[in-house]
Amino acid sequence: MYEGQVMNLLRETMRLHLLEKGARPTAIYAYLSRCDGALETDGAAPLPCPDCYVRGEVARLQRIPSPAGVGIVRCPSCRAEFEFPDFQPVATTEGIWPTSA
């Protein structure tokens, strides 16, 4: 039920992050398009790290344990972490959320 809302919040977090980093509008649009595509594949395509993406790399964000009400994803490549509001009653590691090693 909440998955769509949570994904929209994560997507907006990533968009704002790229804006703060000074990414070009075309790079932000391309990243968000890639994100949308990943979300539509239900895990077949990686949800990319925004920092790696603007450098021309694609690294799959991994969900890590977090307190209730907060979602945290980490990039295994550059180690960037992103927090976003998470209304999921139970954290999931399926679909676009591979477990962190």
PDB file of N, CA and C in Angstrom:
ATOM      1  N   MET A   1       0.816  -1.195   0.000  1.00  0.00           N
ATOM      2  CA  MET A   1       0.000   0.000   0.000  1.00  0.00           C
ATOM      3  C   MET A   1       0.860   1.260   0.000  1.00  0.00           C
ATOM      4  N   TYR A   2       1.906   1.279   0.841  1.00  0.00           N
ATOM      5  CA  TYR A   2       2.725   2.472   0.960  1.00  0.00           C
ATOM      6  C   TYR A   2       3.882   2.502  -0.018  1.00  0.00           C
ATOM      7  N   GLU A   3       4.172   1.406  -0.669  1.00  0.00           N
ATOM      8  CA  GLU A   3       5.362   1.314  -1.510  1.00  0.00           C
ATOM      9  C   GLU A   3       5.454   2.444  -2.527  1.00  0.00           C
ATOM     10  N   GLY A   4       4.353   2.794  -3.197  1.00  0.00           N
ATOM     11  CA  GLY A   4       4.378   3.873  -4.185  1.00  0.00           C
ATOM     12  C   GLY A   4       4.731   5.216  -3.577  1.00  0.00           C
ATOM     13  N   GLN A   5       4.164   5.507  -2.412  1.00  0.00           N
ATOM     14  CA  GLN A   5       4.465   6.763  -1.727  1.00  0.00           C
ATOM     15  C   GLN A   5       5.926   6.805  -1.294  1.00  0.00           C
ATOM     16  N   VAL A   6       6.414   5.710  -0.760  1.00  0.00           N
ATOM     17  CA  VAL A   6       7.804   5.645  -0.311  1.00  0.00           C
ATOM     18  C   VAL A   6       8.742   5.832  -1.500  1.00  0.00           C
ATOM     19  N   MET A   7       8.445   5.209  -2.614  1.00  0.00           N
ATOM     20  CA  MET A   7       9.301   5.345  -3.790  1.00  0.00           C
ATOM     21  C   MET A   7       9.287   6.773  -4.318  1.00  0.00           C
ATOM     22  N   ASN A   8       8.138   7.433  -4.252  1.00  0.00           N
ATOM     23  CA  ASN A   8       8.077   8.833  -4.666  1.00  0.00           C
ATOM     24  C   ASN A   8       8.924   9.713  -3.752  1.00  0.00           C
ATOM     25  N   LEU A   9       8.904   9.431  -2.454  1.00  0.00           N
ATOM     26  CA  LEU A   9       9.738  10.192  -1.516  1.00  0.00           C
ATOM     27  C   LEU A   9      11.222   9.942  -1.763  1.00  0.00           C
ATOM     28  N   LEU A  10      11.582   8.698  -2.036  1.00  0.00           N
ATOM     29  CA  LEU A  10      12.979   8.383  -2.342  1.00  0.00           C
ATOM     30  C   LEU A  10      13.404   9.084  -3.629  1.00  0.00           C
ATOM     31  N   ARG A  11      12.561   9.035  -4.640  1.00  0.00           N
ATOM     32  CA  ARG A  11      12.860   9.680  -5.921  1.00  0.00           C
ATOM     33  C   ARG A  11      13.073  11.183  -5.729  1.00  0.00           C
ATOM     34  N   GLU A  12      12.208  11.821  -4.920  1.00  0.00           N
ATOM     35  CA  GLU A  12      12.341  13.251  -4.663  1.00  0.00           C
ATOM     36  C   GLU A  12      13.616  13.548  -3.862  1.00  0.00           C
ATOM     37  N   THR A  13      13.961  12.680  -2.937  1.00  0.00           N
ATOM     38  CA  THR A  13      15.214  12.834  -2.188  1.00  0.00           C
ATOM     39  C   THR A  13      16.396  12.829  -3.140  1.00  0.00           C
ATOM     40  N   MET A  14      16.395  11.923  -4.098  1.00  0.00           N
ATOM     41  CA  MET A  14      17.490  11.827  -5.062  1.00  0.00           C
ATOM     42  C   MET A  14      17.530  13.058  -5.974  1.00  0.00           C
ATOM     43  N   ARG A  15      16.355  13.529  -6.392  1.00  0.00           N
ATOM     44  CA  ARG A  15      16.303  14.719  -7.248  1.00  0.00           C
ATOM     45  C   ARG A  15      16.892  15.928  -6.526  1.00  0.00           C
ATOM     46  N   LEU A  16      16.487  16.129  -5.275  1.00  0.00           N
ATOM     47  CA  LEU A  16      17.010  17.251  -4.498  1.00  0.00           C
ATOM     48  C   LEU A  16      18.515  17.110  -4.254  1.00  0.00           C
ATOM     49  N   HIS A  17      18.967  15.903  -4.042  1.00  0.00           N
ATOM     50  CA  HIS A  17      20.398  15.661  -3.850  1.00  0.00           C
ATOM     51  C   HIS A  17      21.181  16.097  -5.087  1.00  0.00           C
ATOM     52  N   LEU A  18      20.698  15.715  -6.251  1.00  0.00           N
ATOM     53  CA  LEU A  18      21.388  16.086  -7.486  1.00  0.00           C
ATOM     54  C   LEU A  18      21.366  17.597  -7.706  1.00  0.00           C
ATOM     55  N   LEU A  19      20.244  18.241  -7.378  1.00  0.00           N
ATOM     56  CA  LEU A  19      20.176  19.700  -7.483  1.00  0.00           C
ATOM     57  C   LEU A  19      21.208  20.361  -6.570  1.00  0.00           C
ATOM     58  N   GLU A  20      21.300  19.864  -5.333  1.00  0.00           N
ATOM     59  CA  GLU A  20      22.273  20.413  -4.381  1.00  0.00           C
ATOM     60  C   GLU A  20      23.708  20.217  -4.846  1.00  0.00           C
ATOM     61  N   LYS A  21      23.950  19.110  -5.552  1.00  0.00           N
ATOM     62  CA  LYS A  21      25.295  18.820  -6.063  1.00  0.00           C
ATOM     63  C   LYS A  21      25.629  19.636  -7.310  1.00  0.00           C
ATOM     64  N   GLY A  22      24.636  20.352  -7.838  1.00  0.00           N
ATOM     65  CA  GLY A  22      24.869  21.171  -9.022  1.00  0.00           C
ATOM     66  C   GLY A  22      24.792  20.413 -10.335  1.00  0.00           C
ATOM     67  N   ALA A  23      24.107  19.286 -10.329  1.00  0.00           N
ATOM     68  CA  ALA A  23      23.962  18.504 -11.564  1.00  0.00           C
ATOM     69  C   ALA A  23      23.150  19.298 -12.596  1.00  0.00           C
ATOM     70  N   ARG A  24      23.489  19.103 -13.849  1.00  0.00           N
ATOM     71  CA  ARG A  24      22.756  19.761 -14.937  1.00  0.00           C
ATOM     72  C   ARG A  24      21.334  19.206 -15.015  1.00  0.00           C
ATOM     73  N   PRO A  25      20.378  20.042 -15.426  1.00  0.00           N
ATOM     74  CA  PRO A  25      18.992  19.569 -15.566  1.00  0.00           C
ATOM     75  C   PRO A  25      18.868  18.336 -16.463  1.00  0.00           C
ATOM     76  N   THR A  26      19.658  18.261 -17.521  1.00  0.00           N
ATOM     77  CA  THR A  26      19.580  17.090 -18.404  1.00  0.00           C
ATOM     78  C   THR A  26      20.060  15.828 -17.685  1.00  0.00           C
ATOM     79  N   ALA A  27      21.067  15.967 -16.825  1.00  0.00           N
ATOM     80  CA  ALA A  27      21.562  14.813 -16.063  1.00  0.00           C
ATOM     81  C   ALA A  27      20.524  14.366 -15.037  1.00  0.00           C
ATOM     82  N   ILE A  28      19.859  15.339 -14.415  1.00  0.00           N
ATOM     83  CA  ILE A  28      18.821  15.008 -13.436  1.00  0.00           C
ATOM     84  C   ILE A  28      17.662  14.299 -14.127  1.00  0.00           C
ATOM     85  N   TYR A  29      17.253  14.804 -15.267  1.00  0.00           N
ATOM     86  CA  TYR A  29      16.157  14.187 -16.020  1.00  0.00           C
ATOM     87  C   TYR A  29      16.534  12.753 -16.428  1.00  0.00           C
ATOM     88  N   ALA A  30      17.747  12.585 -16.915  1.00  0.00           N
ATOM     89  CA  ALA A  30      18.197  11.244 -17.330  1.00  0.00           C
ATOM     90  C   ALA A  30      18.223  10.298 -16.135  1.00  0.00           C
ATOM     91  N   TYR A  31      18.710  10.784 -14.999  1.00  0.00           N
ATOM     92  CA  TYR A  31      18.755   9.945 -13.795  1.00  0.00           C
ATOM     93  C   TYR A  31      17.348   9.541 -13.361  1.00  0.00           C
ATOM     94  N   LEU A  32      16.431  10.511 -13.313  1.00  0.00           N
ATOM     95  CA  LEU A  32      15.067  10.206 -12.887  1.00  0.00           C
ATOM     96  C   LEU A  32      14.377   9.249 -13.850  1.00  0.00           C
ATOM     97  N   SER A  33      14.666   9.371 -15.136  1.00  0.00           N
ATOM     98  CA  SER A  33      14.115   8.430 -16.119  1.00  0.00           C
ATOM     99  C   SER A  33      14.639   7.024 -15.852  1.00  0.00           C
ATOM    100  N   ARG A  34      15.923   6.931 -15.534  1.00  0.00           N
ATOM    101  CA  ARG A  34      16.527   5.630 -15.217  1.00  0.00           C
ATOM    102  C   ARG A  34      15.901   5.053 -13.940  1.00  0.00           C
ATOM    103  N   CYS A  35      15.679   5.917 -12.944  1.00  0.00           N
ATOM    104  CA  CYS A  35      15.020   5.495 -11.699  1.00  0.00           C
ATOM    105  C   CYS A  35      13.625   4.955 -11.987  1.00  0.00           C
ATOM    106  N   ASP A  36      12.863   5.711 -12.753  1.00  0.00           N
ATOM    107  CA  ASP A  36      11.504   5.290 -13.082  1.00  0.00           C
ATOM    108  C   ASP A  36      11.516   3.936 -13.777  1.00  0.00           C
ATOM    109  N   GLY A  37      12.458   3.757 -14.702  1.00  0.00           N
ATOM    110  CA  GLY A  37      12.579   2.477 -15.384  1.00  0.00           C
ATOM    111  C   GLY A  37      12.900   1.346 -14.424  1.00  0.00           C
ATOM    112  N   ALA A  38      13.796   1.607 -13.476  1.00  0.00           N
ATOM    113  CA  ALA A  38      14.152   0.584 -12.492  1.00  0.00           C
ATOM    114  C   ALA A  38      12.957   0.229 -11.623  1.00  0.00           C
ATOM    115  N   LEU A  39      12.190   1.227 -11.228  1.00  0.00           N
ATOM    116  CA  LEU A  39      11.027   0.968 -10.392  1.00  0.00           C
ATOM    117  C   LEU A  39       9.969   0.162 -11.133  1.00  0.00           C
ATOM    118  N   GLU A  40       9.871   0.377 -12.433  1.00  0.00           N
ATOM    119  CA  GLU A  40       8.886  -0.365 -13.233  1.00  0.00           C
ATOM    120  C   GLU A  40       9.272  -1.822 -13.428  1.00  0.00           C
ATOM    121  N   THR A  41      10.567  -2.145 -13.327  1.00  0.00           N
ATOM    122  CA  THR A  41      11.004  -3.523 -13.554  1.00  0.00           C
ATOM    123  C   THR A  41      10.913  -4.388 -12.315  1.00  0.00           C
ATOM    124  N   ASP A  42      10.533  -3.801 -11.176  1.00  0.00           N
ATOM    125  CA  ASP A  42      10.371  -4.527  -9.919  1.00  0.00           C
ATOM    126  C   ASP A  42      11.631  -5.306  -9.534  1.00  0.00           C
ATOM    127  N   GLY A  43      12.776  -4.652  -9.699  1.00  0.00           N
ATOM    128  CA  GLY A  43      14.013  -5.260  -9.240  1.00  0.00           C
ATOM    129  C   GLY A  43      14.921  -5.811 -10.318  1.00  0.00           C
ATOM    130  N   ALA A  44      14.441  -5.959 -11.544  1.00  0.00           N
ATOM    131  CA  ALA A  44      15.289  -6.497 -12.605  1.00  0.00           C
ATOM    132  C   ALA A  44      16.401  -5.522 -12.985  1.00  0.00           C
ATOM    133  N   ALA A  45      16.116  -4.232 -12.924  1.00  0.00           N
ATOM    134  CA  ALA A  45      17.118  -3.204 -13.219  1.00  0.00           C
ATOM    135  C   ALA A  45      17.505  -2.538 -11.899  1.00  0.00           C
ATOM    136  N   PRO A  46      18.755  -2.140 -11.765  1.00  0.00           N
ATOM    137  CA  PRO A  46      19.170  -1.527 -10.497  1.00  0.00           C
ATOM    138  C   PRO A  46      18.596  -0.133 -10.311  1.00  0.00           C
ATOM    139  N   LEU A  47      18.240   0.184  -9.052  1.00  0.00           N
ATOM    140  CA  LEU A  47      17.907   1.552  -8.698  1.00  0.00           C
ATOM    141  C   LEU A  47      19.258   2.228  -8.505  1.00  0.00           C
ATOM    142  N   PRO A  48      19.630   3.132  -9.411  1.00  0.00           N
ATOM    143  CA  PRO A  48      21.006   3.630  -9.421  1.00  0.00           C
ATOM    144  C   PRO A  48      21.315   4.682  -8.361  1.00  0.00           C
ATOM    145  N   CYS A  49      22.564   4.685  -7.940  1.00  0.00           N
ATOM    146  CA  CYS A  49      23.073   5.725  -7.054  1.00  0.00           C
ATOM    147  C   CYS A  49      23.195   7.010  -7.869  1.00  0.00           C
ATOM    148  N   PRO A  50      22.646   8.132  -7.386  1.00  0.00           N
ATOM    149  CA  PRO A  50      22.723   9.362  -8.166  1.00  0.00           C
ATOM    150  C   PRO A  50      24.153   9.881  -8.332  1.00  0.00           C
ATOM    151  N   ASP A  51      24.987   9.734  -7.303  1.00  0.00           N
ATOM    152  CA  ASP A  51      26.365  10.216  -7.403  1.00  0.00           C
ATOM    153  C   ASP A  51      27.140   9.446  -8.463  1.00  0.00           C
ATOM    154  N   CYS A  52      26.992   8.125  -8.462  1.00  0.00           N
ATOM    155  CA  CYS A  52      27.681   7.311  -9.459  1.00  0.00           C
ATOM    156  C   CYS A  52      27.118   7.570 -10.860  1.00  0.00           C
ATOM    157  N   TYR A  53      25.802   7.723 -10.940  1.00  0.00           N
ATOM    158  CA  TYR A  53      25.166   7.905 -12.242  1.00  0.00           C
ATOM    159  C   TYR A  53      25.686   9.144 -12.968  1.00  0.00           C
ATOM    160  N   VAL A  54      25.817  10.256 -12.239  1.00  0.00           N
ATOM    161  CA  VAL A  54      26.288  11.477 -12.910  1.00  0.00           C
ATOM    162  C   VAL A  54      27.764  11.380 -13.289  1.00  0.00           C
ATOM    163  N   ARG A  55      28.481  10.384 -12.748  1.00  0.00           N
ATOM    164  CA  ARG A  55      29.866  10.121 -13.157  1.00  0.00           C
ATOM    165  C   ARG A  55      29.934   9.076 -14.275  1.00  0.00           C
ATOM    166  N   GLY A  56      28.775   8.640 -14.755  1.00  0.00           N
ATOM    167  CA  GLY A  56      28.743   7.680 -15.852  1.00  0.00           C
ATOM    168  C   GLY A  56      28.782   6.229 -15.410  1.00  0.00           C
ATOM    169  N   GLU A  57      28.585   5.969 -14.134  1.00  0.00           N
ATOM    170  CA  GLU A  57      28.576   4.606 -13.602  1.00  0.00           C
ATOM    171  C   GLU A  57      27.166   4.252 -13.138  1.00  0.00           C
ATOM    172  N   VAL A  58      26.882   2.969 -13.057  1.00  0.00           N
ATOM    173  CA  VAL A  58      25.604   2.530 -12.511  1.00  0.00           C
ATOM    174  C   VAL A  58      25.894   1.545 -11.384  1.00  0.00           C
ATOM    175  N   ALA A  59      25.555   1.950 -10.179  1.00  0.00           N
ATOM    176  CA  ALA A  59      25.697   1.098  -9.007  1.00  0.00           C
ATOM    177  C   ALA A  59      24.334   0.981  -8.338  1.00  0.00           C
ATOM    178  N   ARG A  60      23.956  -0.226  -7.984  1.00  0.00           N
ATOM    179  CA  ARG A  60      22.639  -0.486  -7.391  1.00  0.00           C
ATOM    180  C   ARG A  60      22.628  -0.070  -5.922  1.00  0.00           C
ATOM    181  N   LEU A  61      21.677   0.799  -5.573  1.00  0.00           N
ATOM    182  CA  LEU A  61      21.500   1.175  -4.169  1.00  0.00           C
ATOM    183  C   LEU A  61      20.996  -0.034  -3.387  1.00  0.00           C
ATOM    184  N   GLN A  62      21.497  -0.189  -2.181  1.00  0.00           N
ATOM    185  CA  GLN A  62      21.082  -1.294  -1.324  1.00  0.00           C
ATOM    186  C   GLN A  62      20.465  -0.735  -0.056  1.00  0.00           C
ATOM    187  N   ARG A  63      19.367  -1.325   0.335  1.00  0.00           N
ATOM    188  CA  ARG A  63      18.714  -0.896   1.574  1.00  0.00           C
ATOM    189  C   ARG A  63      19.484  -1.447   2.759  1.00  0.00           C
ATOM    190  N   ILE A  64      19.660  -0.617   3.779  1.00  0.00           N
ATOM    191  CA  ILE A  64      20.336  -1.060   4.990  1.00  0.00           C
ATOM    192  C   ILE A  64      19.382  -0.901   6.166  1.00  0.00           C
ATOM    193  N   PRO A  65      19.628  -1.624   7.255  1.00  0.00           N
ATOM    194  CA  PRO A  65      18.748  -1.506   8.418  1.00  0.00           C
ATOM    195  C   PRO A  65      18.666  -0.065   8.899  1.00  0.00           C
ATOM    196  N   SER A  66      17.470   0.313   9.326  1.00  0.00           N
ATOM    197  CA  SER A  66      17.248   1.689   9.754  1.00  0.00           C
ATOM    198  C   SER A  66      16.152   1.722  10.802  1.00  0.00           C
ATOM    199  N   PRO A  67      16.096   2.823  11.552  1.00  0.00           N
ATOM    200  CA  PRO A  67      15.030   2.943  12.556  1.00  0.00           C
ATOM    201  C   PRO A  67      13.659   3.061  11.890  1.00  0.00           C
ATOM    202  N   ALA A  68      12.629   2.775  12.646  1.00  0.00           N
ATOM    203  CA  ALA A  68      11.262   2.872  12.126  1.00  0.00           C
ATOM    204  C   ALA A  68      10.990   4.287  11.621  1.00  0.00           C
ATOM    205  N   GLY A  69      10.324   4.369  10.485  1.00  0.00           N
ATOM    206  CA  GLY A  69       9.951   5.656   9.914  1.00  0.00           C
ATOM    207  C   GLY A  69      11.006   6.277   9.029  1.00  0.00           C
ATOM    208  N   VAL A  70      12.176   5.646   8.940  1.00  0.00           N
ATOM    209  CA  VAL A  70      13.269   6.162   8.117  1.00  0.00           C
ATOM    210  C   VAL A  70      13.771   5.026   7.228  1.00  0.00           C
ATOM    211  N   GLY A  71      13.923   5.313   5.962  1.00  0.00           N
ATOM    212  CA  GLY A  71      14.551   4.368   5.054  1.00  0.00           C
ATOM    213  C   GLY A  71      15.952   4.858   4.742  1.00  0.00           C
ATOM    214  N   ILE A  72      16.884   3.934   4.646  1.00  0.00           N
ATOM    215  CA  ILE A  72      18.251   4.300   4.294  1.00  0.00           C
ATOM    216  C   ILE A  72      18.734   3.361   3.199  1.00  0.00           C
ATOM    217  N   VAL A  73      19.285   3.952   2.140  1.00  0.00           N
ATOM    218  CA  VAL A  73      19.915   3.162   1.094  1.00  0.00           C
ATOM    219  C   VAL A  73      21.370   3.606   0.993  1.00  0.00           C
ATOM    220  N   ARG A  74      22.229   2.650   0.630  1.00  0.00           N
ATOM    221  CA  ARG A  74      23.659   2.918   0.517  1.00  0.00           C
ATOM    222  C   ARG A  74      24.161   2.384  -0.817  1.00  0.00           C
ATOM    223  N   CYS A  75      25.097   3.120  -1.382  1.00  0.00           N
ATOM    224  CA  CYS A  75      25.751   2.681  -2.603  1.00  0.00           C
ATOM    225  C   CYS A  75      26.977   1.852  -2.224  1.00  0.00           C
ATOM    226  N   PRO A  76      27.078   0.622  -2.700  1.00  0.00           N
ATOM    227  CA  PRO A  76      28.246  -0.192  -2.376  1.00  0.00           C
ATOM    228  C   PRO A  76      29.518   0.284  -3.076  1.00  0.00           C
ATOM    229  N   SER A  77      29.372   1.092  -4.102  1.00  0.00           N
ATOM    230  CA  SER A  77      30.523   1.565  -4.858  1.00  0.00           C
ATOM    231  C   SER A  77      31.157   2.800  -4.228  1.00  0.00           C
ATOM    232  N   CYS A  78      30.359   3.866  -4.052  1.00  0.00           N
ATOM    233  CA  CYS A  78      30.908   5.118  -3.521  1.00  0.00           C
ATOM    234  C   CYS A  78      30.604   5.307  -2.036  1.00  0.00           C
ATOM    235  N   ARG A  79      29.790   4.415  -1.455  1.00  0.00           N
ATOM    236  CA  ARG A  79      29.427   4.423  -0.039  1.00  0.00           C
ATOM    237  C   ARG A  79      28.504   5.581   0.362  1.00  0.00           C
ATOM    238  N   ALA A  80      27.949   6.306  -0.606  1.00  0.00           N
ATOM    239  CA  ALA A  80      26.997   7.378  -0.294  1.00  0.00           C
ATOM    240  C   ALA A  80      25.752   6.760   0.338  1.00  0.00           C
ATOM    241  N   GLU A  81      25.184   7.445   1.311  1.00  0.00           N
ATOM    242  CA  GLU A  81      23.950   7.002   1.953  1.00  0.00           C
ATOM    243  C   GLU A  81      22.879   8.069   1.788  1.00  0.00           C
ATOM    244  N   PHE A  82      21.661   7.609   1.637  1.00  0.00           N
ATOM    245  CA  PHE A  82      20.527   8.495   1.450  1.00  0.00           C
ATOM    246  C   PHE A  82      19.405   8.076   2.382  1.00  0.00           C
ATOM    247  N   GLU A  83      18.865   9.035   3.119  1.00  0.00           N
ATOM    248  CA  GLU A  83      17.740   8.788   4.016  1.00  0.00           C
ATOM    249  C   GLU A  83      16.473   9.385   3.417  1.00  0.00           C
ATOM    250  N   PHE A  84      15.368   8.722   3.668  1.00  0.00           N
ATOM    251  CA  PHE A  84      14.077   9.193   3.181  1.00  0.00           C
ATOM    252  C   PHE A  84      12.997   8.702   4.128  1.00  0.00           C
ATOM    253  N   PRO A  85      11.864   9.406   4.195  1.00  0.00           N
ATOM    254  CA  PRO A  85      10.761   8.940   5.047  1.00  0.00           C
ATOM    255  C   PRO A  85      10.255   7.590   4.545  1.00  0.00           C
ATOM    256  N   ASP A  86      10.043   6.667   5.462  1.00  0.00           N
ATOM    257  CA  ASP A  86       9.591   5.326   5.095  1.00  0.00           C
ATOM    258  C   ASP A  86       8.433   4.936   5.999  1.00  0.00           C
ATOM    259  N   PHE A  87       7.277   4.753   5.395  1.00  0.00           N
ATOM    260  CA  PHE A  87       6.083   4.427   6.156  1.00  0.00           C
ATOM    261  C   PHE A  87       5.792   2.936   6.156  1.00  0.00           C
ATOM    262  N   GLN A  88       6.745   2.137   5.664  1.00  0.00           N
ATOM    263  CA  GLN A  88       6.555   0.689   5.629  1.00  0.00           C
ATOM    264  C   GLN A  88       6.532   0.148   7.053  1.00  0.00           C
ATOM    265  N   PRO A  89       5.552  -0.659   7.407  1.00  0.00           N
ATOM    266  CA  PRO A  89       5.541  -1.222   8.753  1.00  0.00           C
ATOM    267  C   PRO A  89       6.666  -2.230   8.971  1.00  0.00           C
ATOM    268  N   VAL A  90       7.103  -2.885   7.904  1.00  0.00           N
ATOM    269  CA  VAL A  90       8.195  -3.851   8.000  1.00  0.00           C
ATOM    270  C   VAL A  90       9.128  -3.587   6.832  1.00  0.00           C
ATOM    271  N   ALA A  91      10.430  -3.472   7.125  1.00  0.00           N
ATOM    272  CA  ALA A  91      11.403  -3.245   6.053  1.00  0.00           C
ATOM    273  C   ALA A  91      11.455  -4.461   5.149  1.00  0.00           C
ATOM    274  N   THR A  92      11.600  -4.220   3.856  1.00  0.00           N
ATOM    275  CA  THR A  92      11.672  -5.306   2.888  1.00  0.00           C
ATOM    276  C   THR A  92      13.029  -5.316   2.214  1.00  0.00           C
ATOM    277  N   THR A  93      13.489  -6.480   1.854  1.00  0.00           N
ATOM    278  CA  THR A  93      14.746  -6.596   1.107  1.00  0.00           C
ATOM    279  C   THR A  93      14.497  -7.278  -0.225  1.00  0.00           C
ATOM    280  N   GLU A  94      13.257  -7.295  -0.651  1.00  0.00           N
ATOM    281  CA  GLU A  94      12.920  -7.922  -1.925  1.00  0.00           C
ATOM    282  C   GLU A  94      12.793  -6.855  -3.006  1.00  0.00           C
ATOM    283  N   GLY A  95      12.639  -7.297  -4.228  1.00  0.00           N
ATOM    284  CA  GLY A  95      12.446  -6.367  -5.336  1.00  0.00           C
ATOM    285  C   GLY A  95      13.667  -5.499  -5.563  1.00  0.00           C
ATOM    286  N   ILE A  96      13.481  -4.195  -5.519  1.00  0.00           N
ATOM    287  CA  ILE A  96      14.593  -3.288  -5.789  1.00  0.00           C
ATOM    288  C   ILE A  96      15.515  -3.148  -4.596  1.00  0.00           C
ATOM    289  N   TRP A  97      15.216  -3.807  -3.493  1.00  0.00           N
ATOM    290  CA  TRP A  97      16.020  -3.688  -2.286  1.00  0.00           C
ATOM    291  C   TRP A  97      16.834  -4.947  -2.023  1.00  0.00           C
ATOM    292  N   PRO A  98      17.964  -5.113  -2.683  1.00  0.00           N
ATOM    293  CA  PRO A  98      18.806  -6.269  -2.360  1.00  0.00           C
ATOM    294  C   PRO A  98      19.405  -6.071  -0.973  1.00  0.00           C
ATOM    295  N   THR A  99      19.721  -7.169  -0.337  1.00  0.00           N
ATOM    296  CA  THR A  99      20.320  -7.049   0.991  1.00  0.00           C
ATOM    297  C   THR A  99      21.749  -6.537   0.873  1.00  0.00           C
ATOM    298  N   SER A 100      22.132  -5.779   1.858  1.00  0.00           N
ATOM    299  CA  SER A 100      23.479  -5.221   1.898  1.00  0.00           C
ATOM    300  C   SER A 100      24.422  -6.274   2.456  1.00  0.00           C
ATOM    301  N   ALA A 101      25.555  -6.430   1.788  1.00  0.00           N
ATOM    302  CA  ALA A 101      26.529  -7.430   2.236  1.00  0.00           C
ATOM    303  C   ALA A 101      27.489  -6.853   3.247  1.00  0.00           C
TER     304      ALA A 101
END
